[in-house]
Amino acid sequence: MISMACICITVDVQYMPVFAPNDYFWEHHWQEGKEEKWQAFARVVREIMCEAGGYPSSELTMQDKFDYKEQLNALGKKKAKAA
C-alpha cells in the first residue's frame, strides 16, 4: 500500500568493478611502515566509493559518532523535561 502511494520513484544504481589489489596497487598506494595492508585497501576503496557516489569523506571515528548521538539524546531529554 505504501509503495503504491508513491507514484514516481527512481533509483540510480552504479555497479563498480571488483577491486582486487595487485603489485601496482601496493607499490603506489600503500604507505609501508605507516599503515597495514588492510588499512591501505580500506582507505583506497573508501576514496573510490566517495568519489563515485559524490559523497563527502569524514575522518570521524565510530566512537565520535556514538558520542555525538549521545549528546543529541541528552539534549532531547532536557528539552522534553523543560516542556
PDB file of N, CA and C in Angstrom:
ATOM      1  N   MET A   1       0.822  -1.189   0.000  1.00  0.00           N
ATOM      2  CA  MET A   1       0.000   0.000   0.000  1.00  0.00           C
ATOM      3  C   MET A   1       0.864   1.250   0.000  1.00  0.00           C
ATOM      4  N   ILE A   2       1.893   1.230   0.819  1.00  0.00           N
ATOM      5  CA  ILE A   2       2.748   2.416   0.905  1.00  0.00           C
ATOM      6  C   ILE A   2       3.472   2.653  -0.413  1.00  0.00           C
ATOM      7  N   SER A   3       3.958   1.588  -1.036  1.00  0.00           N
ATOM      8  CA  SER A   3       4.676   1.753  -2.302  1.00  0.00           C
ATOM      9  C   SER A   3       3.742   2.251  -3.395  1.00  0.00           C
ATOM     10  N   MET A   4       2.469   1.946  -3.319  1.00  0.00           N
ATOM     11  CA  MET A   4       1.524   2.421  -4.324  1.00  0.00           C
ATOM     12  C   MET A   4       1.193   3.903  -4.115  1.00  0.00           C
ATOM     13  N   ALA A   5       1.436   4.418  -2.917  1.00  0.00           N
ATOM     14  CA  ALA A   5       1.175   5.831  -2.641  1.00  0.00           C
ATOM     15  C   ALA A   5       2.214   6.721  -3.327  1.00  0.00           C
ATOM     16  N   CYS A   6       3.378   6.201  -3.553  1.00  0.00           N
ATOM     17  CA  CYS A   6       4.440   6.954  -4.225  1.00  0.00           C
ATOM     18  C   CYS A   6       4.406   6.591  -5.704  1.00  0.00           C
ATOM     19  N   ILE A   7       3.979   7.524  -6.498  1.00  0.00           N
ATOM     20  CA  ILE A   7       3.775   7.245  -7.915  1.00  0.00           C
ATOM     21  C   ILE A   7       5.093   7.145  -8.680  1.00  0.00           C
ATOM     22  N   CYS A   8       5.993   8.053  -8.404  1.00  0.00           N
ATOM     23  CA  CYS A   8       7.232   8.091  -9.188  1.00  0.00           C
ATOM     24  C   CYS A   8       8.443   7.982  -8.269  1.00  0.00           C
ATOM     25  N   ILE A   9       9.074   6.846  -8.288  1.00  0.00           N
ATOM     26  CA  ILE A   9      10.289   6.626  -7.509  1.00  0.00           C
ATOM     27  C   ILE A   9      11.370   6.147  -8.472  1.00  0.00           C
ATOM     28  N   THR A  10      12.515   6.782  -8.409  1.00  0.00           N
ATOM     29  CA  THR A  10      13.626   6.346  -9.250  1.00  0.00           C
ATOM     30  C   THR A  10      14.815   5.993  -8.367  1.00  0.00           C
ATOM     31  N   VAL A  11      15.590   5.057  -8.829  1.00  0.00           N
ATOM     32  CA  VAL A  11      16.786   4.632  -8.120  1.00  0.00           C
ATOM     33  C   VAL A  11      17.918   4.570  -9.129  1.00  0.00           C
ATOM     34  N   ASP A  12      19.037   5.178  -8.769  1.00  0.00           N
ATOM     35  CA  ASP A  12      20.216   5.156  -9.625  1.00  0.00           C
ATOM     36  C   ASP A  12      21.223   4.183  -9.015  1.00  0.00           C
ATOM     37  N   VAL A  13      21.515   3.102  -9.709  1.00  0.00           N
ATOM     38  CA  VAL A  13      22.430   2.088  -9.213  1.00  0.00           C
ATOM     39  C   VAL A  13      23.706   2.140 -10.043  1.00  0.00           C
ATOM     40  N   GLN A  14      24.822   2.242  -9.344  1.00  0.00           N
ATOM     41  CA  GLN A  14      26.116   2.216 -10.021  1.00  0.00           C
ATOM     42  C   GLN A  14      26.811   0.903  -9.666  1.00  0.00           C
ATOM     43  N   TYR A  15      27.136   0.125 -10.663  1.00  0.00           N
ATOM     44  CA  TYR A  15      27.872  -1.107 -10.433  1.00  0.00           C
ATOM     45  C   TYR A  15      29.350  -0.816 -10.581  1.00  0.00           C
ATOM     46  N   MET A  16      30.093  -1.136  -9.546  1.00  0.00           N
ATOM     47  CA  MET A  16      31.535  -0.919  -9.561  1.00  0.00           C
ATOM     48  C   MET A  16      32.220  -2.258  -9.825  1.00  0.00           C
ATOM     49  N   PRO A  17      33.338  -2.237 -10.506  1.00  0.00           N
ATOM     50  CA  PRO A  17      34.056  -3.497 -10.733  1.00  0.00           C
ATOM     51  C   PRO A  17      34.651  -4.021  -9.423  1.00  0.00           C
ATOM     52  N   VAL A  18      34.920  -5.293  -9.387  1.00  0.00           N
ATOM     53  CA  VAL A  18      35.555  -5.889  -8.212  1.00  0.00           C
ATOM     54  C   VAL A  18      36.960  -5.311  -8.099  1.00  0.00           C
ATOM     55  N   PHE A  19      37.316  -4.865  -6.917  1.00  0.00           N
ATOM     56  CA  PHE A  19      38.619  -4.245  -6.705  1.00  0.00           C
ATOM     57  C   PHE A  19      39.528  -5.253  -6.008  1.00  0.00           C
ATOM     58  N   ALA A  20      40.503  -5.750  -6.737  1.00  0.00           N
ATOM     59  CA  ALA A  20      41.473  -6.698  -6.188  1.00  0.00           C
ATOM     60  C   ALA A  20      42.855  -6.058  -6.251  1.00  0.00           C
ATOM     61  N   PRO A  21      43.491  -5.838  -5.114  1.00  0.00           N
ATOM     62  CA  PRO A  21      44.815  -5.212  -5.132  1.00  0.00           C
ATOM     63  C   PRO A  21      45.853  -6.089  -5.817  1.00  0.00           C
ATOM     64  N   ASN A  22      46.743  -5.416  -6.534  1.00  0.00           N
ATOM     65  CA  ASN A  22      47.838  -6.119  -7.210  1.00  0.00           C
ATOM     66  C   ASN A  22      49.152  -5.443  -6.823  1.00  0.00           C
ATOM     67  N   ASP A  23      50.239  -5.846  -7.436  1.00  0.00           N
ATOM     68  CA  ASP A  23      51.550  -5.289  -7.091  1.00  0.00           C
ATOM     69  C   ASP A  23      51.609  -3.787  -7.335  1.00  0.00           C
ATOM     70  N   TYR A  24      51.008  -3.309  -8.413  1.00  0.00           N
ATOM     71  CA  TYR A  24      50.987  -1.876  -8.716  1.00  0.00           C
ATOM     72  C   TYR A  24      50.299  -1.112  -7.582  1.00  0.00           C
ATOM     73  N   PHE A  25      49.190  -1.646  -7.120  1.00  0.00           N
ATOM     74  CA  PHE A  25      48.461  -1.001  -6.029  1.00  0.00           C
ATOM     75  C   PHE A  25      49.351  -0.858  -4.800  1.00  0.00           C
ATOM     76  N   TRP A  26      49.995  -1.944  -4.400  1.00  0.00           N
ATOM     77  CA  TRP A  26      50.808  -1.900  -3.186  1.00  0.00           C
ATOM     78  C   TRP A  26      51.995  -0.952  -3.345  1.00  0.00           C
ATOM     79  N   GLU A  27      52.581  -0.898  -4.535  1.00  0.00           N
ATOM     80  CA  GLU A  27      53.725  -0.015  -4.763  1.00  0.00           C
ATOM     81  C   GLU A  27      53.338   1.460  -4.728  1.00  0.00           C
ATOM     82  N   HIS A  28      52.144   1.800  -5.204  1.00  0.00           N
ATOM     83  CA  HIS A  28      51.776   3.205  -5.348  1.00  0.00           C
ATOM     84  C   HIS A  28      50.812   3.737  -4.289  1.00  0.00           C
ATOM     85  N   HIS A  29      50.147   2.876  -3.532  1.00  0.00           N
ATOM     86  CA  HIS A  29      49.139   3.359  -2.590  1.00  0.00           C
ATOM     87  C   HIS A  29      49.360   2.931  -1.148  1.00  0.00           C
ATOM     88  N   TRP A  30      50.230   1.973  -0.926  1.00  0.00           N
ATOM     89  CA  TRP A  30      50.473   1.508   0.439  1.00  0.00           C
ATOM     90  C   TRP A  30      51.614   2.299   1.034  1.00  0.00           C
ATOM     91  N   GLN A  31      51.378   2.885   2.185  1.00  0.00           N
ATOM     92  CA  GLN A  31      52.408   3.644   2.887  1.00  0.00           C
ATOM     93  C   GLN A  31      53.049   2.707   3.916  1.00  0.00           C
ATOM     94  N   GLU A  32      54.027   1.954   3.439  1.00  0.00           N
ATOM     95  CA  GLU A  32      54.647   0.925   4.266  1.00  0.00           C
ATOM     96  C   GLU A  32      55.258   1.559   5.509  1.00  0.00           C
ATOM     97  N   GLY A  33      54.997   0.956   6.644  1.00  0.00           N
ATOM     98  CA  GLY A  33      55.501   1.480   7.906  1.00  0.00           C
ATOM     99  C   GLY A  33      54.511   2.410   8.594  1.00  0.00           C
ATOM    100  N   LYS A  34      53.630   3.036   7.831  1.00  0.00           N
ATOM    101  CA  LYS A  34      52.623   3.942   8.398  1.00  0.00           C
ATOM    102  C   LYS A  34      51.281   3.252   8.576  1.00  0.00           C
ATOM    103  N   GLU A  35      51.004   2.267   7.758  1.00  0.00           N
ATOM    104  CA  GLU A  35      49.725   1.572   7.837  1.00  0.00           C
ATOM    105  C   GLU A  35      49.896   0.130   7.401  1.00  0.00           C
ATOM    106  N   GLU A  36      48.970  -0.703   7.841  1.00  0.00           N
ATOM    107  CA  GLU A  36      48.975  -2.098   7.421  1.00  0.00           C
ATOM    108  C   GLU A  36      48.297  -2.202   6.057  1.00  0.00           C
ATOM    109  N   LYS A  37      48.457  -3.356   5.429  1.00  0.00           N
ATOM    110  CA  LYS A  37      47.900  -3.528   4.083  1.00  0.00           C
ATOM    111  C   LYS A  37      46.388  -3.406   4.079  1.00  0.00           C
ATOM    112  N   TRP A  38      45.708  -3.963   5.086  1.00  0.00           N
ATOM    113  CA  TRP A  38      44.248  -3.882   5.113  1.00  0.00           C
ATOM    114  C   TRP A  38      43.787  -2.438   5.247  1.00  0.00           C
ATOM    115  N   GLN A  39      44.552  -1.600   5.964  1.00  0.00           N
ATOM    116  CA  GLN A  39      44.186  -0.197   6.127  1.00  0.00           C
ATOM    117  C   GLN A  39      44.318   0.550   4.800  1.00  0.00           C
ATOM    118  N   ALA A  40      45.357   0.237   4.039  1.00  0.00           N
ATOM    119  CA  ALA A  40      45.534   0.868   2.729  1.00  0.00           C
ATOM    120  C   ALA A  40      44.403   0.464   1.794  1.00  0.00           C
ATOM    121  N   PHE A  41      44.055  -0.817   1.795  1.00  0.00           N
ATOM    122  CA  PHE A  41      42.963  -1.302   0.955  1.00  0.00           C
ATOM    123  C   PHE A  41      41.655  -0.606   1.330  1.00  0.00           C
ATOM    124  N   ALA A  42      41.345  -0.534   2.630  1.00  0.00           N
ATOM    125  CA  ALA A  42      40.112   0.103   3.093  1.00  0.00           C
ATOM    126  C   ALA A  42      40.091   1.585   2.738  1.00  0.00           C
ATOM    127  N   ARG A  43      41.225   2.270   2.906  1.00  0.00           N
ATOM    128  CA  ARG A  43      41.307   3.705   2.614  1.00  0.00           C
ATOM    129  C   ARG A  43      41.041   3.981   1.133  1.00  0.00           C
ATOM    130  N   VAL A  44      41.666   3.214   0.273  1.00  0.00           N
ATOM    131  CA  VAL A  44      41.527   3.439  -1.167  1.00  0.00           C
ATOM    132  C   VAL A  44      40.112   3.083  -1.652  1.00  0.00           C
ATOM    133  N   VAL A  45      39.554   1.983  -1.165  1.00  0.00           N
ATOM    134  CA  VAL A  45      38.186   1.625  -1.558  1.00  0.00           C
ATOM    135  C   VAL A  45      37.210   2.695  -1.087  1.00  0.00           C
ATOM    136  N   ARG A  46      37.427   3.221   0.113  1.00  0.00           N
ATOM    137  CA  ARG A  46      36.579   4.296   0.633  1.00  0.00           C
ATOM    138  C   ARG A  46      36.667   5.543  -0.246  1.00  0.00           C
ATOM    139  N   GLU A  47      37.875   5.902  -0.642  1.00  0.00           N
ATOM    140  CA  GLU A  47      38.057   7.064  -1.527  1.00  0.00           C
ATOM    141  C   GLU A  47      37.338   6.856  -2.856  1.00  0.00           C
ATOM    142  N   ILE A  48      37.441   5.654  -3.406  1.00  0.00           N
ATOM    143  CA  ILE A  48      36.780   5.353  -4.678  1.00  0.00           C
ATOM    144  C   ILE A  48      35.267   5.471  -4.534  1.00  0.00           C
ATOM    145  N   MET A  49      34.725   4.913  -3.454  1.00  0.00           N
ATOM    146  CA  MET A  49      33.280   4.965  -3.238  1.00  0.00           C
ATOM    147  C   MET A  49      32.795   6.405  -3.032  1.00  0.00           C
ATOM    148  N   CYS A  50      33.533   7.210  -2.294  1.00  0.00           N
ATOM    149  CA  CYS A  50      33.155   8.611  -2.079  1.00  0.00           C
ATOM    150  C   CYS A  50      33.171   9.383  -3.393  1.00  0.00           C
ATOM    151  N   GLU A  51      34.201   9.158  -4.189  1.00  0.00           N
ATOM    152  CA  GLU A  51      34.316   9.860  -5.470  1.00  0.00           C
ATOM    153  C   GLU A  51      33.212   9.437  -6.438  1.00  0.00           C
ATOM    154  N   ALA A  52      32.954   8.153  -6.530  1.00  0.00           N
ATOM    155  CA  ALA A  52      31.944   7.652  -7.466  1.00  0.00           C
ATOM    156  C   ALA A  52      30.541   8.080  -7.060  1.00  0.00           C
ATOM    157  N   GLY A  53      30.282   8.115  -5.763  1.00  0.00           N
ATOM    158  CA  GLY A  53      28.948   8.468  -5.290  1.00  0.00           C
ATOM    159  C   GLY A  53      28.745   9.954  -5.066  1.00  0.00           C
ATOM    160  N   GLY A  54      29.834  10.722  -5.114  1.00  0.00           N
ATOM    161  CA  GLY A  54      29.738  12.159  -4.865  1.00  0.00           C
ATOM    162  C   GLY A  54      29.515  12.481  -3.399  1.00  0.00           C
ATOM    163  N   TYR A  55      29.981  11.601  -2.510  1.00  0.00           N
ATOM    164  CA  TYR A  55      29.798  11.793  -1.080  1.00  0.00           C
ATOM    165  C   TYR A  55      31.016  12.464  -0.473  1.00  0.00           C
ATOM    166  N   PRO A  56      30.798  13.297   0.551  1.00  0.00           N
ATOM    167  CA  PRO A  56      31.962  13.864   1.250  1.00  0.00           C
ATOM    168  C   PRO A  56      32.597  12.804   2.137  1.00  0.00           C
ATOM    169  N   SER A  57      33.872  12.913   2.354  1.00  0.00           N
ATOM    170  CA  SER A  57      34.586  11.979   3.209  1.00  0.00           C
ATOM    171  C   SER A  57      34.712  12.580   4.602  1.00  0.00           C
ATOM    172  N   SER A  58      34.559  11.772   5.622  1.00  0.00           N
ATOM    173  CA  SER A  58      34.657  12.231   7.002  1.00  0.00           C
ATOM    174  C   SER A  58      35.712  11.410   7.725  1.00  0.00           C
ATOM    175  N   GLU A  59      36.467  12.048   8.565  1.00  0.00           N
ATOM    176  CA  GLU A  59      37.502  11.355   9.324  1.00  0.00           C
ATOM    177  C   GLU A  59      37.037  11.023  10.737  1.00  0.00           C
ATOM    178  N   LEU A  60      35.727  11.122  10.993  1.00  0.00           N
ATOM    179  CA  LEU A  60      35.204  10.796  12.306  1.00  0.00           C
ATOM    180  C   LEU A  60      35.287   9.291  12.552  1.00  0.00           C
ATOM    181  N   THR A  61      35.565   8.941  13.784  1.00  0.00           N
ATOM    182  CA  THR A  61      35.581   7.527  14.151  1.00  0.00           C
ATOM    183  C   THR A  61      34.180   7.119  14.589  1.00  0.00           C
ATOM    184  N   MET A  62      33.954   5.834  14.725  1.00  0.00           N
ATOM    185  CA  MET A  62      32.657   5.365  15.210  1.00  0.00           C
ATOM    186  C   MET A  62      32.394   5.888  16.617  1.00  0.00           C
ATOM    187  N   GLN A  63      33.440   5.981  17.439  1.00  0.00           N
ATOM    188  CA  GLN A  63      33.260   6.499  18.798  1.00  0.00           C
ATOM    189  C   GLN A  63      32.800   7.951  18.767  1.00  0.00           C
ATOM    190  N   ASP A  64      33.335   8.752  17.840  1.00  0.00           N
ATOM    191  CA  ASP A  64      32.890  10.139  17.679  1.00  0.00           C
ATOM    192  C   ASP A  64      31.401  10.194  17.350  1.00  0.00           C
ATOM    193  N   LYS A  65      30.962   9.302  16.487  1.00  0.00           N
ATOM    194  CA  LYS A  65      29.555   9.270  16.088  1.00  0.00           C
ATOM    195  C   LYS A  65      28.664   8.857  17.254  1.00  0.00           C
ATOM    196  N   PHE A  66      29.114   7.877  18.050  1.00  0.00           N
ATOM    197  CA  PHE A  66      28.342   7.460  19.219  1.00  0.00           C
ATOM    198  C   PHE A  66      28.258   8.588  20.246  1.00  0.00           C
ATOM    199  N   ASP A  67      29.364   9.299  20.457  1.00  0.00           N
ATOM    200  CA  ASP A  67      29.367  10.423  21.395  1.00  0.00           C
ATOM    201  C   ASP A  67      28.414  11.515  20.934  1.00  0.00           C
ATOM    202  N   TYR A  68      28.414  11.803  19.650  1.00  0.00           N
ATOM    203  CA  TYR A  68      27.522  12.820  19.092  1.00  0.00           C
ATOM    204  C   TYR A  68      26.063  12.416  19.286  1.00  0.00           C
ATOM    205  N   LYS A  69      25.756  11.163  19.017  1.00  0.00           N
ATOM    206  CA  LYS A  69      24.396  10.667  19.183  1.00  0.00           C
ATOM    207  C   LYS A  69      23.972  10.752  20.649  1.00  0.00           C
ATOM    208  N   GLU A  70      24.868  10.431  21.553  1.00  0.00           N
ATOM    209  CA  GLU A  70      24.575  10.511  22.986  1.00  0.00           C
ATOM    210  C   GLU A  70      24.287  11.952  23.410  1.00  0.00           C
ATOM    211  N   GLN A  71      25.051  12.887  22.875  1.00  0.00           N
ATOM    212  CA  GLN A  71      24.824  14.296  23.181  1.00  0.00           C
ATOM    213  C   GLN A  71      23.473  14.763  22.644  1.00  0.00           C
ATOM    214  N   LEU A  72      23.103  14.333  21.458  1.00  0.00           N
ATOM    215  CA  LEU A  72      21.797  14.694  20.897  1.00  0.00           C
ATOM    216  C   LEU A  72      20.664  14.122  21.745  1.00  0.00           C
ATOM    217  N   ASN A  73      20.803  12.870  22.176  1.00  0.00           N
ATOM    218  CA  ASN A  73      19.784  12.256  23.019  1.00  0.00           C
ATOM    219  C   ASN A  73      19.653  12.991  24.345  1.00  0.00           C
ATOM    220  N   ALA A  74      20.770  13.380  24.954  1.00  0.00           N
ATOM    221  CA  ALA A  74      20.735  14.110  26.212  1.00  0.00           C
ATOM    222  C   ALA A  74      20.063  15.465  26.031  1.00  0.00           C
ATOM    223  N   LEU A  75      20.342  16.132  24.927  1.00  0.00           N
ATOM    224  CA  LEU A  75      19.726  17.430  24.634  1.00  0.00           C
ATOM    225  C   LEU A  75      18.207  17.282  24.453  1.00  0.00           C
ATOM    226  N   GLY A  76      17.795  16.220  23.755  1.00  0.00           N
ATOM    227  CA  GLY A  76      16.372  15.961  23.553  1.00  0.00           C
ATOM    228  C   GLY A  76      15.657  15.684  24.867  1.00  0.00           C
ATOM    229  N   LYS A  77      16.320  14.958  25.773  1.00  0.00           N
ATOM    230  CA  LYS A  77      15.717  14.650  27.080  1.00  0.00           C
ATOM    231  C   LYS A  77      15.577  15.920  27.914  1.00  0.00           C
ATOM    232  N   LYS A  78      16.564  16.835  27.837  1.00  0.00           N
ATOM    233  CA  LYS A  78      16.486  18.099  28.574  1.00  0.00           C
ATOM    234  C   LYS A  78      15.320  18.938  28.082  1.00  0.00           C
ATOM    235  N   LYS A  79      15.129  18.985  26.762  1.00  0.00           N
ATOM    236  CA  LYS A  79      14.027  19.776  26.193  1.00  0.00           C
ATOM    237  C   LYS A  79      12.686  19.158  26.559  1.00  0.00           C
ATOM    238  N   ALA A  80      12.614  17.826  26.598  1.00  0.00           N
ATOM    239  CA  ALA A  80      11.362  17.157  26.947  1.00  0.00           C
ATOM    240  C   ALA A  80      10.984  17.426  28.400  1.00  0.00           C
ATOM    241  N   LYS A  81      11.961  17.462  29.294  1.00  0.00           N
ATOM    242  CA  LYS A  81      11.697  17.752  30.718  1.00  0.00           C
ATOM    243  C   LYS A  81      11.268  19.209  30.904  1.00  0.00           C
ATOM    244  N   ALA A  82      11.849  20.118  30.100  1.00  0.00           N
ATOM    245  CA  ALA A  82      11.543  21.546  30.229  1.00  0.00           C
ATOM    246  C   ALA A  82      10.124  21.840  29.721  1.00  0.00           C
ATOM    247  N   ALA A  83       9.604  21.051  28.828  1.00  0.00           N
ATOM    248  CA  ALA A  83       8.284  21.311  28.249  1.00  0.00           C
ATOM    249  C   ALA A  83       7.147  20.839  29.092  1.00  0.00           C
TER     250      ALA A  83
END
